Amino acid sequence: MLTEDAIIIEAHDRASRDLQLEEATRLLSEKATDRGILVTRHSFTSFTATFSSCVEYGHIQELDLL
């Protein structure tokens, strides 16, 4: 699910998780202008991908909240 500030990923299995994360980071990378991307794992099946001023432009950083 795409919101204005984030892409929310609800995965049902490993394969769908990987595909959704790749697509989310690709979409955000195309729109990035001055910030990097932060991918946050909230649970084993729930993730968000957002722009972050704490991540250097051109980079993707992961944050695991488990």
Protein backbone atom coordinates (compact mmCIF):
# COMPACT_ATOMS: atom_id res chain seq x y z
CA MET A 1 0.00 0.00 0.00
CA LEU A 2 1.41 3.39 -1.01
CA THR A 3 0.71 6.45 1.09
CA GLU A 4 2.12 9.89 0.49
CA ASP A 5 5.02 9.36 2.89
CA ALA A 6 5.47 5.60 3.07
CA ILE A 7 4.99 2.27 1.41
CA ILE A 8 3.40 -0.23 3.78
CA ILE A 9 4.19 -3.88 3.16
CA GLU A 10 2.17 -6.76 4.57
CA ALA A 11 3.83 -10.01 3.54
CA HIS A 12 2.24 -13.44 3.64
CA ASP A 13 5.38 -15.41 2.85
CA ARG A 14 9.09 -14.91 2.23
CA ALA A 15 8.79 -14.69 -1.55
CA SER A 16 6.07 -12.03 -1.49
CA ARG A 17 7.98 -10.12 1.19
CA ASP A 18 11.13 -10.01 -0.90
CA LEU A 19 9.26 -8.94 -4.05
CA GLN A 20 7.34 -6.22 -2.23
CA LEU A 21 10.47 -4.86 -0.53
CA GLU A 22 12.34 -4.75 -3.85
CA GLU A 23 9.45 -2.97 -5.55
CA ALA A 24 9.06 -0.49 -2.67
CA THR A 25 12.73 0.47 -2.66
CA ARG A 26 12.73 0.73 -6.47
CA LEU A 27 9.72 3.08 -6.43
CA LEU A 28 11.19 5.26 -3.70
CA SER A 29 14.62 5.32 -5.36
CA GLU A 30 13.03 6.72 -8.51
CA LYS A 31 11.52 9.60 -6.50
CA ALA A 32 14.45 10.29 -4.17
CA THR A 33 16.08 13.68 -4.56
CA ASP A 34 18.04 14.39 -1.39
CA ARG A 35 17.32 11.67 1.17
CA GLY A 36 17.91 7.98 1.52
CA ILE A 37 15.42 5.21 2.20
CA LEU A 38 14.68 3.64 5.56
CA VAL A 39 13.06 0.18 5.60
CA THR A 40 11.61 -0.69 9.00
CA ARG A 41 10.50 -4.14 10.09
CA HIS A 42 7.65 -3.86 12.58
CA SER A 43 6.86 -7.58 12.78
CA PHE A 44 7.68 -10.74 10.85
CA THR A 45 5.12 -9.75 8.20
CA SER A 46 4.86 -5.94 8.44
CA PHE A 47 7.32 -3.40 7.01
CA THR A 48 7.39 0.25 5.97
CA ALA A 49 9.67 1.91 3.46
CA THR A 50 10.06 5.70 3.74
CA PHE A 51 12.37 8.55 2.85
CA SER A 52 14.64 9.52 5.72
CA SER A 53 16.87 12.55 6.17
CA CYS A 54 18.92 10.37 8.55
CA VAL A 55 19.93 8.12 5.64
CA GLU A 56 22.42 9.42 3.10
CA TYR A 57 21.06 10.02 -0.40
CA GLY A 58 21.51 6.95 -2.59
CA HIS A 59 21.54 4.55 0.38
CA ILE A 60 19.01 2.17 1.91
CA GLN A 61 19.14 1.50 5.63
CA GLU A 62 17.25 -1.19 7.54
CA LEU A 63 15.79 -0.84 11.02
CA ASP A 64 14.54 -3.94 12.84
CA LEU A 65 12.08 -3.20 15.65
CA LEU A 66 11.77 -6.84 16.73
